[in-house]
Amino acid sequence: MSQKVTEKVPFNGTKEQEEKLLAVIAEHKGMNGALMPVLQKAQDIYGYLPFEVQKIIAEGLECSLEEVYGVVTFYSQFSLNPKGKYKIGVCLGTACYVKGSGKILEKIQENLNLAVGECTPDGKFSLEATRCIGACGLAPVFTINDDVYGRVTEDEIDGILAKYKE
């Protein structure tokens, strides 16, 4: 597979989002353990935790940016990248992987020119590799938002994605 150059999705935070975040910070400032609930609320507000948001939190809670980044990257519940309008999750649990979900993931990456954990520059698609989603009998499985695609083959991927590209 050829190396790809990824374009960073620009940060598009609004003044209203920043005001909400600053209110959350003010509510938690000075409390022990404030960082986790502030990060959780910030992710609810923005959908992810880009550098710009982490910087506001560090300044507001008077802690280092390194501490904020360390917590964000330690816990899997936090995301450094935005999520697309269509969130794709490819199950790499044992049953799905044995039935070929690794190839399904590769085909989706190739079709969208997208790496796991990234979002397309237009904000339309994001891609995650997931663990078991509880549909082992339909392996291999992937989801696009709430739509579940089971027993899929590599040959079906382009057609499935085309429905969401329209």
N, C-alpha and C. Protein backbone atom coordinates (compact mmCIF):
# COMPACT_ATOMS: atom_id res chain seq x y z
N MET A 1 0.85 -1.18 0.00
CA MET A 1 0.00 0.00 0.00
C MET A 1 0.89 1.24 0.00
N SER A 2 0.60 2.19 -0.84
CA SER A 2 1.42 3.38 -0.92
C SER A 2 1.17 4.28 0.29
N GLN A 3 2.21 5.05 0.62
CA GLN A 3 2.09 5.97 1.74
C GLN A 3 1.19 7.12 1.33
N LYS A 4 0.31 7.52 2.23
CA LYS A 4 -0.62 8.60 1.88
C LYS A 4 -0.35 9.82 2.73
N VAL A 5 -0.63 10.95 2.18
CA VAL A 5 -0.50 12.20 2.91
C VAL A 5 -1.88 12.56 3.43
N THR A 6 -1.97 12.74 4.74
CA THR A 6 -3.28 13.06 5.31
C THR A 6 -3.41 14.56 5.50
N GLU A 7 -4.59 15.05 5.18
CA GLU A 7 -4.88 16.46 5.40
C GLU A 7 -5.57 16.57 6.75
N LYS A 8 -5.14 17.55 7.55
CA LYS A 8 -5.76 17.76 8.84
C LYS A 8 -7.08 18.51 8.65
N VAL A 9 -8.10 18.03 9.32
CA VAL A 9 -9.38 18.72 9.27
C VAL A 9 -9.23 19.98 10.13
N PRO A 10 -9.50 21.15 9.58
CA PRO A 10 -9.32 22.38 10.36
C PRO A 10 -10.29 22.46 11.53
N PHE A 11 -9.82 23.07 12.61
CA PHE A 11 -10.65 23.26 13.80
C PHE A 11 -11.69 24.33 13.49
N ASN A 12 -12.96 24.00 13.73
CA ASN A 12 -14.05 24.93 13.44
C ASN A 12 -14.91 25.20 14.66
N GLY A 13 -14.28 25.41 15.80
CA GLY A 13 -15.04 25.69 17.01
C GLY A 13 -15.75 27.03 16.91
N THR A 14 -16.93 27.09 17.53
CA THR A 14 -17.71 28.33 17.51
C THR A 14 -17.55 29.08 18.83
N LYS A 15 -17.94 30.33 18.82
CA LYS A 15 -17.91 31.15 20.03
C LYS A 15 -18.83 30.55 21.10
N GLU A 16 -19.98 30.02 20.66
CA GLU A 16 -20.93 29.41 21.60
C GLU A 16 -20.31 28.19 22.28
N GLN A 17 -19.59 27.39 21.51
CA GLN A 17 -18.93 26.22 22.09
C GLN A 17 -17.88 26.66 23.12
N GLU A 18 -17.11 27.66 22.76
CA GLU A 18 -16.08 28.15 23.68
C GLU A 18 -16.71 28.69 24.96
N GLU A 19 -17.82 29.40 24.84
CA GLU A 19 -18.50 29.93 26.03
C GLU A 19 -18.99 28.79 26.93
N LYS A 20 -19.53 27.72 26.33
CA LYS A 20 -19.96 26.56 27.11
C LYS A 20 -18.78 25.93 27.83
N LEU A 21 -17.67 25.79 27.11
CA LEU A 21 -16.47 25.19 27.71
C LEU A 21 -15.96 26.04 28.86
N LEU A 22 -15.89 27.34 28.67
CA LEU A 22 -15.41 28.22 29.73
C LEU A 22 -16.31 28.16 30.96
N ALA A 23 -17.62 27.99 30.75
CA ALA A 23 -18.55 27.84 31.88
C ALA A 23 -18.28 26.54 32.63
N VAL A 24 -18.02 25.47 31.90
CA VAL A 24 -17.70 24.17 32.53
C VAL A 24 -16.41 24.29 33.33
N ILE A 25 -15.41 24.94 32.74
CA ILE A 25 -14.13 25.12 33.44
C ILE A 25 -14.34 25.92 34.72
N ALA A 26 -15.10 27.00 34.64
CA ALA A 26 -15.36 27.85 35.81
C ALA A 26 -16.07 27.05 36.91
N GLU A 27 -16.98 26.18 36.50
CA GLU A 27 -17.74 25.36 37.45
C GLU A 27 -16.83 24.36 38.20
N HIS A 28 -15.78 23.89 37.54
CA HIS A 28 -14.91 22.86 38.12
C HIS A 28 -13.58 23.39 38.65
N LYS A 29 -13.26 24.64 38.36
CA LYS A 29 -11.96 25.19 38.73
C LYS A 29 -11.73 25.09 40.24
N GLY A 30 -10.53 24.63 40.59
CA GLY A 30 -10.17 24.52 42.00
C GLY A 30 -10.59 23.22 42.65
N MET A 31 -11.38 22.42 41.96
CA MET A 31 -11.81 21.13 42.51
C MET A 31 -10.75 20.07 42.24
N ASN A 32 -10.54 19.16 43.18
CA ASN A 32 -9.66 18.03 42.94
C ASN A 32 -10.28 17.13 41.87
N GLY A 33 -9.46 16.65 40.96
CA GLY A 33 -9.95 15.75 39.92
C GLY A 33 -10.81 16.42 38.87
N ALA A 34 -10.66 17.73 38.70
CA ALA A 34 -11.51 18.48 37.76
C ALA A 34 -11.24 18.14 36.30
N LEU A 35 -10.04 17.70 36.00
CA LEU A 35 -9.65 17.52 34.61
C LEU A 35 -10.54 16.52 33.87
N MET A 36 -10.80 15.37 34.46
CA MET A 36 -11.60 14.35 33.77
C MET A 36 -13.01 14.84 33.42
N PRO A 37 -13.77 15.37 34.39
CA PRO A 37 -15.11 15.84 34.01
C PRO A 37 -15.09 17.00 33.01
N VAL A 38 -14.09 17.85 33.08
CA VAL A 38 -13.99 18.95 32.12
C VAL A 38 -13.71 18.39 30.72
N LEU A 39 -12.80 17.43 30.63
CA LEU A 39 -12.51 16.82 29.34
C LEU A 39 -13.75 16.10 28.77
N GLN A 40 -14.48 15.41 29.62
CA GLN A 40 -15.69 14.72 29.16
C GLN A 40 -16.71 15.71 28.62
N LYS A 41 -16.93 16.79 29.35
CA LYS A 41 -17.88 17.82 28.90
C LYS A 41 -17.38 18.49 27.62
N ALA A 42 -16.08 18.74 27.55
CA ALA A 42 -15.51 19.37 26.36
C ALA A 42 -15.72 18.49 25.14
N GLN A 43 -15.53 17.18 25.31
CA GLN A 43 -15.75 16.28 24.17
C GLN A 43 -17.23 16.26 23.80
N ASP A 44 -18.12 16.36 24.78
CA ASP A 44 -19.56 16.45 24.47
C ASP A 44 -19.85 17.72 23.65
N ILE A 45 -19.19 18.80 24.00
CA ILE A 45 -19.42 20.09 23.33
C ILE A 45 -18.86 20.09 21.91
N TYR A 46 -17.63 19.60 21.73
CA TYR A 46 -16.95 19.69 20.44
C TYR A 46 -17.00 18.40 19.62
N GLY A 47 -17.23 17.27 20.27
CA GLY A 47 -17.23 15.99 19.58
C GLY A 47 -15.86 15.32 19.57
N TYR A 48 -14.83 16.07 19.92
CA TYR A 48 -13.46 15.56 20.02
C TYR A 48 -12.65 16.60 20.77
N LEU A 49 -11.35 16.33 21.00
CA LEU A 49 -10.53 17.22 21.80
C LEU A 49 -9.28 17.66 21.04
N PRO A 50 -9.44 18.60 20.12
CA PRO A 50 -8.28 19.08 19.37
C PRO A 50 -7.35 19.90 20.25
N PHE A 51 -6.16 20.18 19.76
CA PHE A 51 -5.16 20.96 20.48
C PHE A 51 -5.75 22.26 21.01
N GLU A 52 -6.52 22.96 20.20
CA GLU A 52 -7.06 24.26 20.59
C GLU A 52 -7.93 24.16 21.86
N VAL A 53 -8.71 23.09 21.95
CA VAL A 53 -9.57 22.88 23.12
C VAL A 53 -8.73 22.48 24.33
N GLN A 54 -7.75 21.62 24.11
CA GLN A 54 -6.87 21.21 25.20
C GLN A 54 -6.15 22.41 25.80
N LYS A 55 -5.75 23.35 24.94
CA LYS A 55 -5.04 24.55 25.40
C LYS A 55 -5.96 25.41 26.29
N ILE A 56 -7.21 25.58 25.88
CA ILE A 56 -8.18 26.35 26.68
C ILE A 56 -8.35 25.70 28.05
N ILE A 57 -8.45 24.37 28.06
CA ILE A 57 -8.64 23.64 29.32
C ILE A 57 -7.42 23.79 30.22
N ALA A 58 -6.22 23.63 29.65
CA ALA A 58 -5.00 23.76 30.45
C ALA A 58 -4.90 25.15 31.08
N GLU A 59 -5.16 26.17 30.28
CA GLU A 59 -5.10 27.54 30.80
C GLU A 59 -6.17 27.78 31.85
N GLY A 60 -7.38 27.29 31.57
CA GLY A 60 -8.50 27.52 32.49
C GLY A 60 -8.36 26.80 33.82
N LEU A 61 -7.79 25.61 33.80
CA LEU A 61 -7.61 24.84 35.03
C LEU A 61 -6.23 25.06 35.65
N GLU A 62 -5.43 25.90 35.00
CA GLU A 62 -4.09 26.21 35.47
C GLU A 62 -3.26 24.94 35.68
N CYS A 63 -3.28 24.11 34.64
CA CYS A 63 -2.44 22.91 34.64
C CYS A 63 -1.67 22.91 33.32
N SER A 64 -0.71 22.02 33.20
CA SER A 64 0.10 22.02 31.99
C SER A 64 -0.64 21.38 30.82
N LEU A 65 -0.30 21.85 29.63
CA LEU A 65 -0.85 21.25 28.42
C LEU A 65 -0.43 19.79 28.33
N GLU A 66 0.77 19.48 28.82
CA GLU A 66 1.26 18.10 28.82
C GLU A 66 0.38 17.19 29.67
N GLU A 67 -0.07 17.70 30.81
CA GLU A 67 -0.95 16.91 31.67
C GLU A 67 -2.29 16.64 30.96
N VAL A 68 -2.84 17.66 30.34
CA VAL A 68 -4.10 17.51 29.62
C VAL A 68 -3.93 16.49 28.49
N TYR A 69 -2.89 16.66 27.68
CA TYR A 69 -2.63 15.75 26.56
C TYR A 69 -2.41 14.33 27.06
N GLY A 70 -1.69 14.19 28.16
CA GLY A 70 -1.44 12.86 28.73
C GLY A 70 -2.72 12.13 29.09
N VAL A 71 -3.66 12.84 29.69
CA VAL A 71 -4.95 12.23 30.05
C VAL A 71 -5.76 11.91 28.79
N VAL A 72 -5.78 12.85 27.85
CA VAL A 72 -6.55 12.65 26.61
C VAL A 72 -6.06 11.43 25.84
N THR A 73 -4.74 11.25 25.79
CA THR A 73 -4.20 10.13 25.02
C THR A 73 -4.18 8.82 25.79
N PHE A 74 -4.32 8.88 27.11
CA PHE A 74 -4.33 7.66 27.92
C PHE A 74 -5.68 6.95 27.85
N TYR A 75 -6.76 7.71 27.92
CA TYR A 75 -8.10 7.11 27.97
C TYR A 75 -8.70 7.00 26.57
N SER A 76 -9.17 5.80 26.25
CA SER A 76 -9.71 5.54 24.91
C SER A 76 -11.04 6.26 24.66
N GLN A 77 -11.70 6.74 25.69
CA GLN A 77 -12.97 7.45 25.49
C GLN A 77 -12.78 8.81 24.82
N PHE A 78 -11.55 9.31 24.85
CA PHE A 78 -11.28 10.62 24.27
C PHE A 78 -10.72 10.48 22.85
N SER A 79 -11.08 11.43 22.00
CA SER A 79 -10.62 11.41 20.62
C SER A 79 -9.91 12.72 20.28
N LEU A 80 -8.76 12.60 19.63
CA LEU A 80 -8.02 13.77 19.15
C LEU A 80 -8.50 14.22 17.78
N ASN A 81 -9.27 13.36 17.12
CA ASN A 81 -9.73 13.65 15.76
C ASN A 81 -11.24 13.78 15.72
N PRO A 82 -11.72 14.63 14.82
CA PRO A 82 -13.17 14.77 14.70
C PRO A 82 -13.80 13.50 14.13
N LYS A 83 -15.06 13.33 14.38
CA LYS A 83 -15.82 12.22 13.81
C LYS A 83 -16.59 12.74 12.61
N GLY A 84 -16.70 11.90 11.60
CA GLY A 84 -17.39 12.30 10.39
C GLY A 84 -18.90 12.21 10.53
N LYS A 85 -19.59 12.76 9.56
CA LYS A 85 -21.05 12.62 9.50
C LYS A 85 -21.41 11.14 9.48
N TYR A 86 -20.60 10.35 8.78
CA TYR A 86 -20.78 8.90 8.73
C TYR A 86 -19.61 8.25 9.46
N LYS A 87 -19.91 7.69 10.62
CA LYS A 87 -18.90 7.04 11.46
C LYS A 87 -18.86 5.56 11.10
N ILE A 88 -17.74 5.13 10.54
CA ILE A 88 -17.58 3.73 10.15
C ILE A 88 -16.79 3.01 11.22
N GLY A 89 -17.30 1.88 11.65
CA GLY A 89 -16.60 1.03 12.61
C GLY A 89 -16.48 -0.37 12.03
N VAL A 90 -15.26 -0.85 11.88
CA VAL A 90 -15.03 -2.19 11.36
C VAL A 90 -14.66 -3.08 12.53
N CYS A 91 -15.44 -4.14 12.75
CA CYS A 91 -15.19 -5.05 13.85
C CYS A 91 -13.95 -5.90 13.55
N LEU A 92 -13.01 -5.87 14.47
CA LEU A 92 -11.82 -6.71 14.35
C LEU A 92 -11.78 -7.74 15.48
N GLY A 93 -12.95 -8.02 16.06
CA GLY A 93 -13.05 -9.09 17.05
C GLY A 93 -12.71 -10.42 16.39
N THR A 94 -12.49 -11.43 17.20
CA THR A 94 -12.00 -12.72 16.70
C THR A 94 -12.84 -13.29 15.56
N ALA A 95 -14.15 -13.41 15.75
CA ALA A 95 -15.00 -14.01 14.72
C ALA A 95 -14.93 -13.23 13.42
N CYS A 96 -15.01 -11.92 13.52
CA CYS A 96 -14.97 -11.09 12.31
C CYS A 96 -13.60 -11.14 11.65
N TYR A 97 -12.56 -11.10 12.46
CA TYR A 97 -11.21 -11.10 11.90
C TYR A 97 -10.93 -12.40 11.15
N VAL A 98 -11.33 -13.52 11.76
CA VAL A 98 -11.14 -14.83 11.12
C VAL A 98 -11.89 -14.89 9.80
N LYS A 99 -13.03 -14.21 9.72
CA LYS A 99 -13.85 -14.24 8.50
C LYS A 99 -13.46 -13.14 7.50
N GLY A 100 -12.38 -12.39 7.78
CA GLY A 100 -11.87 -11.45 6.78
C GLY A 100 -12.09 -9.97 7.01
N SER A 101 -12.38 -9.56 8.25
CA SER A 101 -12.63 -8.13 8.47
C SER A 101 -11.38 -7.28 8.26
N GLY A 102 -10.20 -7.87 8.39
CA GLY A 102 -8.98 -7.11 8.11
C GLY A 102 -8.95 -6.64 6.66
N LYS A 103 -9.38 -7.50 5.75
CA LYS A 103 -9.44 -7.13 4.32
C LYS A 103 -10.54 -6.10 4.07
N ILE A 104 -11.64 -6.22 4.81
CA ILE A 104 -12.73 -5.24 4.70
C ILE A 104 -12.21 -3.87 5.12
N LEU A 105 -11.48 -3.82 6.23
CA LEU A 105 -10.91 -2.57 6.71
C LEU A 105 -9.96 -1.97 5.66
N GLU A 106 -9.10 -2.79 5.11
CA GLU A 106 -8.16 -2.31 4.08
C GLU A 106 -8.91 -1.75 2.87
N LYS A 107 -9.96 -2.40 2.46
CA LYS A 107 -10.74 -1.95 1.30
C LYS A 107 -11.41 -0.60 1.58
N ILE A 108 -11.94 -0.43 2.79
CA ILE A 108 -12.55 0.85 3.16
C ILE A 108 -11.48 1.94 3.19
N GLN A 109 -10.32 1.64 3.77
CA GLN A 109 -9.24 2.62 3.82
C GLN A 109 -8.83 3.05 2.40
N GLU A 110 -8.73 2.08 1.52
CA GLU A 110 -8.36 2.36 0.13
C GLU A 110 -9.43 3.20 -0.56
N ASN A 111 -10.69 2.84 -0.38
CA ASN A 111 -11.80 3.54 -1.04
C ASN A 111 -11.87 5.00 -0.59
N LEU A 112 -11.69 5.24 0.70
CA LEU A 112 -11.86 6.59 1.25
C LEU A 112 -10.53 7.34 1.42
N ASN A 113 -9.42 6.66 1.12
CA ASN A 113 -8.09 7.23 1.35
C ASN A 113 -8.00 7.75 2.78
N LEU A 114 -8.28 6.86 3.71
CA LEU A 114 -8.46 7.23 5.11
C LEU A 114 -7.82 6.20 6.01
N ALA A 115 -7.08 6.65 7.02
CA ALA A 115 -6.49 5.76 8.00
C ALA A 115 -7.41 5.62 9.20
N VAL A 116 -7.24 4.56 9.94
CA VAL A 116 -8.01 4.34 11.16
C VAL A 116 -7.78 5.51 12.12
N GLY A 117 -8.86 6.02 12.68
CA GLY A 117 -8.78 7.14 13.62
C GLY A 117 -8.87 8.50 12.96
N GLU A 118 -8.97 8.53 11.64
CA GLU A 118 -9.02 9.80 10.93
C GLU A 118 -10.42 10.12 10.42
N CYS A 119 -10.54 11.37 9.98
CA CYS A 119 -11.77 11.87 9.38
C CYS A 119 -11.39 12.46 8.02
N THR A 120 -12.25 12.26 7.02
CA THR A 120 -11.96 12.84 5.71
C THR A 120 -11.96 14.37 5.82
N PRO A 121 -11.17 15.05 4.98
CA PRO A 121 -11.09 16.51 5.05
C PRO A 121 -12.44 17.21 4.92
N ASP A 122 -13.40 16.59 4.22
CA ASP A 122 -14.72 17.20 4.08
C ASP A 122 -15.64 16.91 5.27
N GLY A 123 -15.14 16.15 6.25
CA GLY A 123 -15.92 15.84 7.45
C GLY A 123 -17.01 14.81 7.23
N LYS A 124 -17.00 14.14 6.10
CA LYS A 124 -18.09 13.22 5.78
C LYS A 124 -17.91 11.83 6.42
N PHE A 125 -16.68 11.30 6.42
CA PHE A 125 -16.43 9.95 6.93
C PHE A 125 -15.33 9.94 7.98
N SER A 126 -15.52 9.12 9.00
CA SER A 126 -14.43 8.80 9.93
C SER A 126 -14.40 7.29 10.07
N LEU A 127 -13.24 6.77 10.43
CA LEU A 127 -13.03 5.32 10.44
C LEU A 127 -12.40 4.88 11.74
N GLU A 128 -12.98 3.84 12.34
CA GLU A 128 -12.45 3.25 13.56
C GLU A 128 -12.39 1.74 13.40
N ALA A 129 -11.38 1.14 13.99
CA ALA A 129 -11.31 -0.31 14.13
C ALA A 129 -11.87 -0.61 15.52
N THR A 130 -12.87 -1.47 15.58
CA THR A 130 -13.52 -1.74 16.87
C THR A 130 -13.29 -3.18 17.28
N ARG A 131 -13.63 -3.46 18.50
CA ARG A 131 -13.65 -4.83 18.99
C ARG A 131 -15.07 -5.35 18.84
N CYS A 132 -15.33 -6.51 19.32
CA CYS A 132 -16.61 -7.19 19.11
C CYS A 132 -17.81 -6.26 19.32
N ILE A 133 -18.71 -6.27 18.34
CA ILE A 133 -19.92 -5.45 18.46
C ILE A 133 -21.15 -6.32 18.74
N GLY A 134 -20.92 -7.61 18.96
CA GLY A 134 -22.01 -8.51 19.34
C GLY A 134 -22.82 -9.06 18.20
N ALA A 135 -22.26 -9.06 17.01
CA ALA A 135 -22.97 -9.60 15.85
C ALA A 135 -22.11 -10.69 15.19
N CYS A 136 -21.54 -11.53 16.02
CA CYS A 136 -20.58 -12.54 15.55
C CYS A 136 -21.18 -13.48 14.49
N GLY A 137 -22.46 -13.74 14.59
CA GLY A 137 -23.11 -14.62 13.62
C GLY A 137 -23.18 -14.01 12.23
N LEU A 138 -22.94 -12.71 12.12
CA LEU A 138 -22.97 -12.01 10.83
C LEU A 138 -21.57 -11.69 10.31
N ALA A 139 -20.55 -12.25 10.94
CA ALA A 139 -19.15 -11.92 10.61
C ALA A 139 -18.84 -12.15 9.14
N PRO A 140 -18.02 -11.27 8.57
CA PRO A 140 -17.46 -10.03 9.12
C PRO A 140 -18.47 -8.89 9.08
N VAL A 141 -18.39 -8.03 10.08
CA VAL A 141 -19.37 -6.96 10.26
C VAL A 141 -18.68 -5.60 10.31
N PHE A 142 -19.34 -4.60 9.71
CA PHE A 142 -18.95 -3.21 9.95
C PHE A 142 -20.21 -2.38 10.04
N THR A 143 -20.07 -1.21 10.66
CA THR A 143 -21.22 -0.32 10.83
C THR A 143 -20.92 1.04 10.21
N ILE A 144 -21.98 1.67 9.76
CA ILE A 144 -21.92 3.07 9.37
C ILE A 144 -23.05 3.73 10.14
N ASN A 145 -22.66 4.53 11.14
CA ASN A 145 -23.62 5.06 12.11
C ASN A 145 -24.41 3.90 12.70
N ASP A 146 -25.73 3.88 12.54
CA ASP A 146 -26.55 2.80 13.12
C ASP A 146 -26.82 1.67 12.14
N ASP A 147 -26.32 1.77 10.92
CA ASP A 147 -26.52 0.72 9.92
C ASP A 147 -25.47 -0.36 10.10
N VAL A 148 -25.92 -1.62 10.16
CA VAL A 148 -25.02 -2.75 10.34
C VAL A 148 -24.94 -3.54 9.04
N TYR A 149 -23.72 -3.81 8.60
CA TYR A 149 -23.50 -4.60 7.38
C TYR A 149 -22.79 -5.89 7.78
N GLY A 150 -23.48 -7.02 7.57
CA GLY A 150 -22.93 -8.30 7.95
C GLY A 150 -22.70 -9.20 6.75
N ARG A 151 -21.82 -10.17 6.97
CA ARG A 151 -21.44 -11.14 5.94
C ARG A 151 -20.99 -10.43 4.66
N VAL A 152 -20.29 -9.32 4.83
CA VAL A 152 -19.85 -8.54 3.68
C VAL A 152 -18.57 -9.10 3.07
N THR A 153 -18.40 -8.84 1.80
CA THR A 153 -17.17 -9.21 1.09
C THR A 153 -16.49 -7.94 0.61
N GLU A 154 -15.23 -8.05 0.28
CA GLU A 154 -14.49 -6.90 -0.24
C GLU A 154 -15.18 -6.29 -1.46
N ASP A 155 -15.74 -7.15 -2.30
CA ASP A 155 -16.37 -6.68 -3.54
C ASP A 155 -17.60 -5.81 -3.30
N GLU A 156 -18.20 -5.90 -2.12
CA GLU A 156 -19.42 -5.12 -1.82
C GLU A 156 -19.12 -3.73 -1.25
N ILE A 157 -17.89 -3.51 -0.81
CA ILE A 157 -17.56 -2.28 -0.09
C ILE A 157 -17.79 -1.03 -0.93
N ASP A 158 -17.29 -0.99 -2.15
CA ASP A 158 -17.44 0.21 -2.98
C ASP A 158 -18.91 0.59 -3.17
N GLY A 159 -19.76 -0.40 -3.39
CA GLY A 159 -21.19 -0.15 -3.58
C GLY A 159 -21.85 0.37 -2.32
N ILE A 160 -21.48 -0.21 -1.18
CA ILE A 160 -22.05 0.24 0.10
C ILE A 160 -21.64 1.68 0.37
N LEU A 161 -20.36 1.99 0.21
CA LEU A 161 -19.89 3.36 0.49
C LEU A 161 -20.47 4.37 -0.49
N ALA A 162 -20.73 3.95 -1.72
CA ALA A 162 -21.27 4.85 -2.73
C ALA A 162 -22.62 5.43 -2.28
N LYS A 163 -23.41 4.63 -1.55
CA LYS A 163 -24.72 5.12 -1.07
C LYS A 163 -24.56 6.31 -0.13
N TYR A 164 -23.46 6.34 0.61
CA TYR A 164 -23.25 7.42 1.58
C TYR A 164 -22.51 8.61 0.97
N LYS A 165 -21.88 8.38 -0.16
CA LYS A 165 -21.16 9.48 -0.83
C LYS A 165 -22.09 10.41 -1.59
N GLU A 166 -23.29 9.93 -1.92
CA GLU A 166 -24.24 10.73 -2.71
C GLU A 166 -24.71 11.95 -1.96
